[in-house]
Amino acid sequence: MIEVDVRGLSCPIPVLRTKKAIEENPNEPITVLVESAVSKENVSRLAQSKGYSVKVEQVPDGYKLQISPSGE
Protein backbone atom coordinates (compact mmCIF):
# COMPACT_ATOMS: atom_id res chain seq x y z
CA MET A 1 0.00 0.00 0.00
CA ILE A 2 1.36 3.39 -1.01
CA GLU A 3 0.99 6.21 1.53
CA VAL A 4 1.33 9.91 0.78
CA ASP A 5 1.50 12.10 3.91
CA VAL A 6 0.97 15.73 2.95
CA ARG A 7 -0.26 17.04 6.29
CA GLY A 8 1.09 20.50 6.96
CA LEU A 9 1.59 21.28 3.28
CA SER A 10 -0.55 23.80 1.42
CA CYS A 11 -1.95 23.45 -2.08
CA PRO A 12 -0.90 22.68 -4.69
CA ILE A 13 1.71 20.41 -3.02
CA PRO A 14 -0.78 17.73 -1.81
CA VAL A 15 -2.27 17.47 -5.31
CA LEU A 16 1.15 17.34 -7.01
CA ARG A 17 2.47 14.64 -4.65
CA THR A 18 -0.70 12.58 -5.06
CA LYS A 19 -0.49 12.93 -8.86
CA LYS A 20 3.13 11.74 -8.75
CA ALA A 21 2.18 8.73 -6.60
CA ILE A 22 -0.62 7.82 -9.04
CA GLU A 23 1.72 8.10 -12.03
CA GLU A 24 4.50 6.07 -10.36
CA ASN A 25 2.12 3.38 -9.06
CA PRO A 26 -0.61 2.95 -11.68
CA ASN A 27 -3.47 0.66 -10.68
CA GLU A 28 -2.33 0.59 -7.04
CA PRO A 29 -4.48 1.72 -4.12
CA ILE A 30 -3.03 4.80 -2.40
CA THR A 31 -3.66 6.31 1.03
CA VAL A 32 -3.35 10.10 1.22
CA LEU A 33 -3.22 11.95 4.55
CA VAL A 34 -4.25 15.62 4.46
CA GLU A 35 -5.16 18.07 7.19
CA SER A 36 -7.43 20.60 5.48
CA ALA A 37 -10.84 20.33 3.84
CA VAL A 38 -9.47 22.24 0.83
CA SER A 39 -6.70 19.68 0.29
CA LYS A 40 -9.23 16.86 0.76
CA GLU A 41 -11.46 18.31 -1.95
CA ASN A 42 -8.60 19.01 -4.37
CA VAL A 43 -7.00 15.57 -3.97
CA SER A 44 -10.42 13.90 -4.31
CA ARG A 45 -11.10 15.84 -7.51
CA LEU A 46 -7.72 14.82 -8.95
CA ALA A 47 -8.23 11.15 -8.10
CA GLN A 48 -11.72 11.08 -9.60
CA SER A 49 -10.48 12.79 -12.77
CA LYS A 50 -7.92 9.96 -13.12
CA GLY A 51 -10.63 7.31 -12.77
CA TYR A 52 -10.03 6.46 -9.10
CA SER A 53 -12.69 5.96 -6.46
CA VAL A 54 -12.24 7.90 -3.22
CA LYS A 55 -13.21 6.98 0.33
CA VAL A 56 -12.75 9.73 2.92
CA GLU A 57 -12.33 9.10 6.63
CA GLN A 58 -12.03 11.89 9.17
CA VAL A 59 -9.13 11.33 11.57
CA PRO A 60 -8.02 13.43 14.57
CA ASP A 61 -5.45 15.45 12.59
CA GLY A 62 -7.35 15.79 9.30
CA TYR A 63 -8.53 13.33 6.68
CA LYS A 64 -7.45 9.94 5.38
CA LEU A 65 -8.30 9.38 1.73
CA GLN A 66 -8.24 5.88 0.30
CA ILE A 67 -8.00 6.16 -3.46
CA SER A 68 -8.34 3.07 -5.57
CA PRO A 69 -8.49 2.42 -9.29
CA SER A 70 -12.13 2.00 -10.31
CA GLY A 71 -13.21 -1.58 -10.25
CA GLU A 72 -11.33 -2.48 -7.07
C-alpha atoms as a PDB file:
ATOM      1  CA  MET A   1       0.000   0.000   0.000  1.00  0.00           C
ATOM      2  CA  ILE A   2       1.359   3.387  -1.012  1.00  0.00           C
ATOM      3  CA  GLU A   3       0.985   6.211   1.533  1.00  0.00           C
ATOM      4  CA  VAL A   4       1.328   9.913   0.777  1.00  0.00           C
ATOM      5  CA  ASP A   5       1.497  12.100   3.907  1.00  0.00           C
ATOM      6  CA  VAL A   6       0.970  15.730   2.945  1.00  0.00           C
ATOM      7  CA  ARG A   7      -0.263  17.042   6.290  1.00  0.00           C
ATOM      8  CA  GLY A   8       1.093  20.499   6.962  1.00  0.00           C
ATOM      9  CA  LEU A   9       1.589  21.280   3.275  1.00  0.00           C
ATOM     10  CA  SER A  10      -0.545  23.795   1.419  1.00  0.00           C
ATOM     11  CA  CYS A  11      -1.948  23.445  -2.077  1.00  0.00           C
ATOM     12  CA  PRO A  12      -0.896  22.677  -4.695  1.00  0.00           C
ATOM     13  CA  ILE A  13       1.710  20.411  -3.021  1.00  0.00           C
ATOM     14  CA  PRO A  14      -0.781  17.731  -1.815  1.00  0.00           C
ATOM     15  CA  VAL A  15      -2.266  17.469  -5.313  1.00  0.00           C
ATOM     16  CA  LEU A  16       1.151  17.338  -7.005  1.00  0.00           C
ATOM     17  CA  ARG A  17       2.472  14.636  -4.650  1.00  0.00           C
ATOM     18  CA  THR A  18      -0.705  12.584  -5.064  1.00  0.00           C
ATOM     19  CA  LYS A  19      -0.493  12.934  -8.857  1.00  0.00           C
ATOM     20  CA  LYS A  20       3.129  11.744  -8.748  1.00  0.00           C
ATOM     21  CA  ALA A  21       2.182   8.727  -6.599  1.00  0.00           C
ATOM     22  CA  ILE A  22      -0.617   7.817  -9.036  1.00  0.00           C
ATOM     23  CA  GLU A  23       1.724   8.100 -12.033  1.00  0.00           C
ATOM     24  CA  GLU A  24       4.502   6.071 -10.358  1.00  0.00           C
ATOM     25  CA  ASN A  25       2.116   3.382  -9.060  1.00  0.00           C
ATOM     26  CA  PRO A  26      -0.608   2.946 -11.675  1.00  0.00           C
ATOM     27  CA  ASN A  27      -3.471   0.663 -10.681  1.00  0.00           C
ATOM     28  CA  GLU A  28      -2.331   0.592  -7.036  1.00  0.00           C
ATOM     29  CA  PRO A  29      -4.480   1.721  -4.117  1.00  0.00           C
ATOM     30  CA  ILE A  30      -3.027   4.799  -2.400  1.00  0.00           C
ATOM     31  CA  THR A  31      -3.659   6.313   1.030  1.00  0.00           C
ATOM     32  CA  VAL A  32      -3.353  10.098   1.216  1.00  0.00           C
ATOM     33  CA  LEU A  33      -3.217  11.945   4.553  1.00  0.00           C
ATOM     34  CA  VAL A  34      -4.252  15.620   4.456  1.00  0.00           C
ATOM     35  CA  GLU A  35      -5.162  18.067   7.189  1.00  0.00           C
ATOM     36  CA  SER A  36      -7.433  20.601   5.479  1.00  0.00           C
ATOM     37  CA  ALA A  37     -10.841  20.332   3.842  1.00  0.00           C
ATOM     38  CA  VAL A  38      -9.473  22.236   0.829  1.00  0.00           C
ATOM     39  CA  SER A  39      -6.696  19.678   0.294  1.00  0.00           C
ATOM     40  CA  LYS A  40      -9.227  16.859   0.757  1.00  0.00           C
ATOM     41  CA  GLU A  41     -11.458  18.311  -1.951  1.00  0.00           C
ATOM     42  CA  ASN A  42      -8.598  19.015  -4.367  1.00  0.00           C
ATOM     43  CA  VAL A  43      -6.998  15.570  -3.969  1.00  0.00           C
ATOM     44  CA  SER A  44     -10.422  13.898  -4.311  1.00  0.00           C
ATOM     45  CA  ARG A  45     -11.102  15.844  -7.512  1.00  0.00           C
ATOM     46  CA  LEU A  46      -7.721  14.820  -8.952  1.00  0.00           C
ATOM     47  CA  ALA A  47      -8.231  11.145  -8.101  1.00  0.00           C
ATOM     48  CA  GLN A  48     -11.716  11.083  -9.605  1.00  0.00           C
ATOM     49  CA  SER A  49     -10.479  12.786 -12.773  1.00  0.00           C
ATOM     50  CA  LYS A  50      -7.918   9.959 -13.118  1.00  0.00           C
ATOM     51  CA  GLY A  51     -10.632   7.309 -12.770  1.00  0.00           C
ATOM     52  CA  TYR A  52     -10.032   6.463  -9.100  1.00  0.00           C
ATOM     53  CA  SER A  53     -12.691   5.957  -6.456  1.00  0.00           C
ATOM     54  CA  VAL A  54     -12.239   7.905  -3.218  1.00  0.00           C
ATOM     55  CA  LYS A  55     -13.211   6.981   0.334  1.00  0.00           C
ATOM     56  CA  VAL A  56     -12.752   9.731   2.923  1.00  0.00           C
ATOM     57  CA  GLU A  57     -12.331   9.100   6.632  1.00  0.00           C
ATOM     58  CA  GLN A  58     -12.032  11.894   9.173  1.00  0.00           C
ATOM     59  CA  VAL A  59      -9.130  11.335  11.571  1.00  0.00           C
ATOM     60  CA  PRO A  60      -8.019  13.434  14.574  1.00  0.00           C
ATOM     61  CA  ASP A  61      -5.455  15.452  12.588  1.00  0.00           C
ATOM     62  CA  GLY A  62      -7.345  15.788   9.303  1.00  0.00           C
ATOM     63  CA  TYR A  63      -8.529  13.325   6.677  1.00  0.00           C
ATOM     64  CA  LYS A  64      -7.448   9.941   5.385  1.00  0.00           C
ATOM     65  CA  LEU A  65      -8.295   9.376   1.730  1.00  0.00           C
ATOM     66  CA  GLN A  66      -8.242   5.875   0.304  1.00  0.00           C
ATOM     67  CA  ILE A  67      -7.998   6.165  -3.455  1.00  0.00           C
ATOM     68  CA  SER A  68      -8.337   3.067  -5.574  1.00  0.00           C
ATOM     69  CA  PRO A  69      -8.485   2.421  -9.290  1.00  0.00           C
ATOM     70  CA  SER A  70     -12.133   2.004 -10.306  1.00  0.00           C
ATOM     71  CA  GLY A  71     -13.214  -1.583 -10.254  1.00  0.00           C
ATOM     72  CA  GLU A  72     -11.326  -2.480  -7.072  1.00  0.00           C
END
